[in-house]
Protein backbone atom coordinates (compact mmCIF):
# COMPACT_ATOMS: atom_id res chain seq x y z
CA UNK A 1 134.48 -132.99 -155.97
CA UNK A 2 135.22 -133.83 -152.22
CA UNK A 3 134.16 -130.53 -150.05
CA UNK A 4 137.34 -130.15 -148.30
CA UNK A 5 139.14 -129.75 -151.89
CA UNK A 6 136.67 -127.19 -152.90
CA UNK A 7 136.99 -125.57 -149.54
CA UNK A 8 140.87 -125.41 -149.98
CA UNK A 9 140.58 -123.94 -153.37
CA UNK A 10 138.29 -121.16 -152.16
CA UNK A 11 140.68 -120.36 -149.43
CA UNK A 12 143.59 -119.93 -151.99
CA UNK A 13 141.26 -117.79 -154.22
CA UNK A 14 139.87 -115.51 -151.71
CA UNK A 15 143.40 -114.84 -150.15
CA UNK A 16 144.50 -113.39 -153.53
CA UNK A 17 141.45 -111.48 -154.45
CA UNK A 18 141.89 -108.40 -152.39
CA UNK A 19 145.29 -107.72 -153.88
CA UNK A 20 143.83 -108.38 -157.43
CA UNK A 21 140.91 -106.19 -156.54
CA UNK A 22 143.28 -103.56 -155.74
CA UNK A 23 145.55 -103.81 -158.70
CA UNK A 24 142.66 -104.12 -161.17
CA UNK A 25 141.36 -100.59 -160.14
CA UNK A 26 144.82 -99.03 -160.90
CA UNK A 27 144.31 -97.02 -164.16
CA UNK A 28 140.93 -98.46 -165.03
CA UNK A 29 138.89 -97.04 -162.25
CA UNK A 30 136.62 -99.03 -159.61
CA UNK A 31 133.40 -99.29 -161.65
CA UNK A 32 134.98 -100.29 -165.15
CA UNK A 33 137.32 -102.90 -163.10
CA UNK A 34 134.21 -104.47 -161.45
CA UNK A 35 132.00 -104.48 -164.69
CA UNK A 36 134.80 -105.84 -166.85
CA UNK A 37 135.32 -108.69 -164.06
CA UNK A 38 131.67 -109.67 -164.16
CA UNK A 39 131.31 -109.66 -167.94
CA UNK A 40 134.39 -112.01 -168.12
CA UNK A 41 132.74 -114.04 -165.47
CA UNK A 42 129.37 -114.34 -167.01
CA UNK A 43 130.82 -115.28 -170.48
CA UNK A 44 133.14 -117.85 -169.00
CA UNK A 45 130.16 -119.46 -166.77
CA UNK A 46 127.74 -119.39 -169.56
CA UNK A 47 130.20 -121.35 -171.84
CA UNK A 48 130.77 -123.72 -169.25
CA UNK A 49 127.15 -124.35 -168.47
CA UNK A 50 126.51 -124.88 -172.28
CA UNK A 51 129.58 -127.07 -172.75
CA UNK A 52 128.76 -129.36 -170.08
CA UNK A 53 124.96 -129.28 -170.78
CA UNK A 54 123.89 -128.19 -167.17
CA UNK A 55 121.08 -126.31 -167.85
CA UNK A 56 119.79 -123.01 -165.88
CA UNK A 57 117.01 -124.14 -163.48
CA UNK A 58 114.21 -121.53 -163.61
CA UNK A 59 111.95 -123.12 -160.87
CA UNK A 60 110.86 -120.54 -157.80
CA UNK A 61 113.84 -121.57 -155.37
CA UNK A 62 116.41 -121.12 -158.22
CA UNK A 63 115.05 -117.87 -159.07
CA UNK A 64 114.96 -116.62 -155.67
CA UNK A 65 118.70 -117.68 -155.17
CA UNK A 66 119.73 -115.88 -158.45
CA UNK A 67 117.93 -112.70 -157.21
CA UNK A 68 119.37 -112.85 -153.70
CA UNK A 69 122.97 -113.86 -154.67
CA UNK A 70 123.09 -111.08 -157.74
CA UNK A 71 121.82 -108.28 -155.21
CA UNK A 72 124.19 -109.59 -152.54
CA UNK A 73 127.11 -109.65 -155.05
CA UNK A 74 126.43 -106.26 -156.24
CA UNK A 75 126.02 -104.76 -152.98
CA UNK A 76 129.03 -106.44 -151.48
CA UNK A 77 131.46 -106.09 -154.61
CA UNK A 78 130.49 -102.53 -155.61
CA UNK A 79 131.28 -101.28 -151.97
CA UNK A 80 134.57 -103.32 -151.79
CA UNK A 81 136.02 -102.22 -154.91
CA UNK A 82 135.32 -98.40 -153.86
CA UNK A 83 136.78 -98.94 -150.52
CA UNK A 84 139.79 -101.13 -151.64
CA UNK A 85 141.64 -98.10 -153.25
CA UNK A 86 141.88 -96.31 -149.80
CA UNK A 87 142.82 -99.31 -147.36
CA UNK A 88 145.52 -102.08 -147.43
CA UNK A 89 144.39 -105.11 -149.55
CA UNK A 90 145.03 -107.31 -146.56
CA UNK A 91 142.77 -105.26 -144.55
CA UNK A 92 139.81 -106.06 -146.86
CA UNK A 93 140.26 -109.61 -146.13
CA UNK A 94 140.55 -108.82 -142.44
CA UNK A 95 137.29 -107.08 -142.26
CA UNK A 96 135.57 -109.76 -144.50
CA UNK A 97 136.85 -112.05 -141.55
CA UNK A 98 134.11 -110.48 -139.69
CA UNK A 99 131.40 -112.07 -141.70
CA UNK A 100 131.08 -115.16 -139.29
CA UNK A 101 130.21 -113.06 -136.44
CA UNK A 102 127.38 -111.27 -138.40
CA UNK A 103 126.35 -114.68 -140.38
CA UNK A 104 126.34 -116.36 -136.88
CA UNK A 105 124.07 -113.51 -135.51
CA UNK A 106 121.66 -113.70 -138.40
CA UNK A 107 121.53 -117.34 -138.94
CA UNK A 108 120.28 -117.43 -135.21
CA UNK A 109 117.63 -114.81 -136.06
CA UNK A 110 116.70 -116.22 -139.49
CA UNK A 111 117.50 -119.99 -139.51
CA UNK A 112 116.94 -120.79 -135.97
CA UNK A 113 120.63 -121.98 -135.73
CA UNK A 114 121.97 -122.35 -132.07
CA UNK A 115 121.61 -119.36 -130.05
CA UNK A 116 124.76 -117.32 -128.80
CA UNK A 117 126.39 -118.99 -126.15
CA UNK A 118 128.66 -117.39 -123.76
CA UNK A 119 131.70 -118.33 -125.79
CA UNK A 120 130.38 -116.71 -128.88
CA UNK A 121 129.75 -113.68 -127.10
CA UNK A 122 133.48 -113.66 -125.89
CA UNK A 123 134.21 -114.05 -129.58
CA UNK A 124 132.20 -111.43 -131.00
CA UNK A 125 133.82 -108.99 -127.91
CA UNK A 126 137.27 -109.96 -129.12
CA UNK A 127 136.36 -109.02 -132.67
CA UNK A 128 134.87 -105.74 -131.62
CA UNK A 129 137.76 -104.85 -129.57
CA UNK A 130 140.24 -105.57 -132.69
CA UNK A 131 138.13 -103.67 -134.97
CA UNK A 132 137.99 -100.77 -132.51
CA UNK A 133 142.02 -100.94 -132.56
CA UNK A 134 141.98 -100.66 -136.25
CA UNK A 135 139.39 -97.87 -136.38
CA UNK A 136 141.18 -95.68 -133.52
CA UNK A 137 144.47 -95.94 -135.36
CA UNK A 138 143.16 -95.15 -138.80
CA UNK A 139 146.31 -93.35 -139.94
CA UNK A 140 148.12 -96.48 -140.40
CA UNK A 141 145.64 -97.83 -142.77
CA UNK A 142 146.99 -96.66 -145.90
CA UNK A 143 145.11 -93.62 -147.28
CA UNK A 144 143.54 -90.20 -146.61
CA UNK A 145 139.98 -91.92 -146.84
CA UNK A 146 140.63 -95.17 -145.03
CA UNK A 147 138.17 -94.50 -142.28
CA UNK A 148 135.54 -93.97 -144.94
CA UNK A 149 136.85 -97.22 -146.47
CA UNK A 150 136.56 -99.04 -143.40
CA UNK A 151 132.95 -98.06 -142.79
CA UNK A 152 132.10 -98.92 -146.45
CA UNK A 153 133.79 -102.22 -145.88
CA UNK A 154 131.87 -103.06 -142.98
CA UNK A 155 128.67 -102.39 -144.86
CA UNK A 156 129.87 -104.65 -147.80
CA UNK A 157 130.44 -107.35 -145.08
CA UNK A 158 127.07 -107.09 -143.68
CA UNK A 159 125.39 -107.40 -147.15
CA UNK A 160 127.59 -110.37 -147.91
CA UNK A 161 126.74 -112.00 -144.51
CA UNK A 162 123.19 -111.36 -145.14
CA UNK A 163 123.12 -112.87 -148.57
CA UNK A 164 125.03 -115.98 -147.28
CA UNK A 165 122.41 -116.60 -144.49
CA UNK A 166 119.45 -115.85 -147.08
CA UNK A 167 120.80 -118.22 -149.42
CA UNK A 168 121.05 -120.72 -146.85
CA UNK A 169 117.24 -120.09 -145.90
CA UNK A 170 116.36 -120.46 -149.69
CA UNK A 171 117.97 -124.02 -149.82
CA UNK A 172 118.10 -123.86 -153.44
CA UNK A 173 119.91 -127.48 -154.80
CA UNK A 174 120.70 -125.96 -158.37
CA UNK A 175 124.17 -126.91 -159.83
CA UNK A 176 126.70 -124.50 -158.57
CA UNK A 177 127.62 -123.41 -161.88
CA UNK A 178 124.11 -122.58 -162.72
CA UNK A 179 123.65 -120.55 -159.81
CA UNK A 180 127.01 -118.71 -160.61
CA UNK A 181 125.30 -117.85 -164.11
CA UNK A 182 122.15 -116.78 -162.63
CA UNK A 183 123.75 -114.67 -160.06
CA UNK A 184 125.94 -112.90 -162.33
CA UNK A 185 123.17 -112.30 -164.70
CA UNK A 186 121.17 -110.73 -161.93
CA UNK A 187 123.85 -108.18 -160.88
CA UNK A 188 125.46 -107.40 -164.35
CA UNK A 189 122.98 -104.69 -165.23
CA UNK A 190 123.44 -103.42 -161.78
CA UNK A 191 127.24 -103.05 -162.40
CA UNK A 192 126.39 -101.64 -165.84
CA UNK A 193 124.30 -98.75 -164.43
CA UNK A 194 127.20 -98.30 -161.81
CA UNK A 195 129.67 -97.77 -164.36
CA UNK A 196 127.37 -95.35 -166.40
CA UNK A 197 126.41 -93.22 -163.48
CA UNK A 198 130.21 -92.93 -162.19
CA UNK A 199 132.17 -92.78 -165.16
CA UNK A 200 130.66 -94.27 -168.30
CA UNK A 201 133.82 -94.21 -170.39
CA UNK A 202 136.17 -96.84 -171.42
CA UNK A 203 139.99 -96.10 -170.11
CA UNK A 204 142.28 -95.17 -172.85
CA UNK A 205 144.72 -97.63 -171.62
CA UNK A 206 144.41 -100.46 -169.10
CA UNK A 207 148.09 -101.35 -167.59
CA UNK A 208 149.14 -104.62 -168.03
CA UNK A 209 148.77 -105.71 -164.30
CA UNK A 210 145.45 -104.32 -164.22
CA UNK A 211 144.46 -106.28 -167.08
CA UNK A 212 145.77 -109.47 -165.73
CA UNK A 213 144.07 -108.93 -162.26
CA UNK A 214 140.64 -108.30 -164.26
CA UNK A 215 141.10 -111.43 -166.14
CA UNK A 216 141.97 -113.49 -163.13
CA UNK A 217 139.11 -112.25 -161.02
CA UNK A 218 136.78 -112.68 -163.97
CA UNK A 219 137.76 -116.48 -164.25
CA UNK A 220 138.82 -117.34 -160.91
CA UNK A 221 137.01 -114.82 -158.45
CA UNK A 222 133.78 -114.79 -160.47
CA UNK A 223 133.33 -118.25 -161.99
CA UNK A 224 135.58 -120.86 -160.32
CA UNK A 225 135.37 -119.26 -156.64
CA UNK A 226 131.78 -118.61 -156.70
CA UNK A 227 131.05 -121.92 -158.25
CA UNK A 228 132.78 -123.79 -155.42
CA UNK A 229 131.34 -121.48 -152.87
CA UNK A 230 127.70 -122.14 -153.81
CA UNK A 231 128.65 -125.92 -153.83
CA UNK A 232 130.22 -125.79 -150.45
CA UNK A 233 127.20 -123.63 -148.98
CA UNK A 234 125.05 -126.60 -150.23
CA UNK A 235 126.95 -129.11 -148.06
CA UNK A 236 128.26 -127.18 -145.01
CA UNK A 237 126.32 -125.00 -142.36
CA UNK A 238 126.72 -121.22 -142.86
CA UNK A 239 128.83 -120.76 -139.80
CA UNK A 240 131.20 -123.50 -141.24
CA UNK A 241 131.55 -121.75 -144.70
CA UNK A 242 132.21 -118.29 -143.04
CA UNK A 243 135.10 -119.93 -141.51
CA UNK A 244 136.91 -119.68 -144.75
CA UNK A 245 137.42 -116.03 -143.83
CA UNK A 246 139.20 -117.04 -140.76
CA UNK A 247 141.95 -118.39 -142.86
CA UNK A 248 142.33 -115.89 -145.55
CA UNK A 249 143.16 -112.58 -143.85
CA UNK A 250 146.63 -113.57 -142.64
CA UNK A 251 147.34 -114.86 -145.96
CA UNK A 252 146.05 -111.83 -147.80
CA UNK A 253 148.11 -109.65 -145.33
CA UNK A 254 151.52 -111.31 -146.08
CA UNK A 255 150.56 -111.19 -149.89
CA UNK A 256 149.86 -107.33 -149.70
CA UNK A 257 152.89 -106.96 -147.88
CA UNK A 258 155.13 -108.97 -150.22
CA UNK A 259 153.90 -108.19 -153.45
CA UNK A 260 152.43 -104.60 -152.80
CA UNK A 261 154.76 -102.99 -150.38
CA UNK A 262 151.90 -102.58 -147.76
CA UNK A 263 153.30 -101.74 -144.44
CA UNK A 264 151.94 -103.97 -141.64
CA UNK A 265 152.54 -102.17 -138.39
CA UNK A 266 151.94 -103.76 -134.84
CA UNK A 267 148.87 -101.79 -134.49
CA UNK A 268 147.34 -103.45 -137.52
CA UNK A 269 148.90 -106.86 -136.50
CA UNK A 270 147.11 -106.29 -133.02
CA UNK A 271 143.70 -105.55 -134.12
CA UNK A 272 143.76 -108.28 -136.99
CA UNK A 273 145.03 -110.69 -134.03
CA UNK A 274 142.18 -110.11 -131.78
CA UNK A 275 139.72 -110.10 -134.79
CA UNK A 276 141.18 -113.73 -135.68
CA UNK A 277 141.33 -114.58 -132.12
CA UNK A 278 137.65 -113.59 -131.64
CA UNK A 279 136.56 -115.54 -134.51
CA UNK A 280 138.40 -118.69 -133.37
CA UNK A 281 136.76 -118.75 -130.08
CA UNK A 282 133.21 -117.84 -131.76
CA UNK A 283 133.55 -120.72 -134.17
CA UNK A 284 135.39 -123.07 -132.17
CA UNK A 285 132.94 -125.86 -132.14
CA UNK A 286 132.34 -125.57 -135.82
CA UNK A 287 136.04 -125.49 -136.44
CA UNK A 288 136.45 -128.57 -134.71
CA UNK A 289 133.49 -130.25 -136.34
CA UNK A 290 134.99 -128.91 -139.85
CA UNK A 291 138.40 -130.49 -139.14
CA UNK A 292 136.81 -133.88 -137.83
CA UNK A 293 134.42 -134.36 -140.71
CA UNK A 294 134.96 -137.43 -142.74
CA UNK A 295 135.82 -136.87 -146.37
CA UNK A 296 133.87 -138.24 -148.98
CA UNK A 297 135.37 -141.30 -150.92
CA UNK A 298 136.79 -140.65 -153.97
CA UNK A 299 135.02 -142.44 -157.07
CA UNK A 300 136.96 -144.82 -158.83
CA UNK A 301 135.07 -144.57 -162.11
């Protein structure tokens, strides 16, 4: 698959994921919702791996990638599902838009990528200012525990960014779908323990919308999205992969407003705009490079 096509597919999936996460927890509980999603994901991914005879590499780098990916998936998703109940769905995507700032700093430390330039520092400052605007006006975020949700989301973003950089450092070249299966298999016991510790009971009735959201996330969010994600990080720098979160917040905010009745006040737009502008400044060179990258030629076979 051409890298730009995979890139666009990830943008579309990740733009709808925050709203789907919020819907999936309504009437089902956050721990059950994320566990059900991962169960569906591992079954679908395993079936695809078996049908396409991809195989599951078990060499040292592959095992490390599965472990890092699984732990990162558990940490970021468990915290995100908990926090998504208390803040607007679009804001989840906005905060995950901070991941390029975190990933850039971690990549400079861990991968030896380019040091922070004055332009990158300006971008970080703008992002921090936008985050401050959102925090200061926490009464507009959508719930009683909105500020707690914000803090938990920031921790989730840090874990996500750290796992992204760590996976890039490992440099595993296993098939993306195999990496998806390995990652899900590592995370599944952890999600099961989380469900047992927080609830441990099956919901009497799962609303149709919640069930549909869980299935959507299990198939697209946990299999197709992750497989494309691992495919992309094998072909692009960590900073360029993180640019995906530069596009998705605006789409996610609009989807939350249109389909979930979420009010987008001027302060939320201001804070989100500052974050996105800061990301644009921070990743200006990477964005230009990405747009000018030649597309792989299509196979005629």
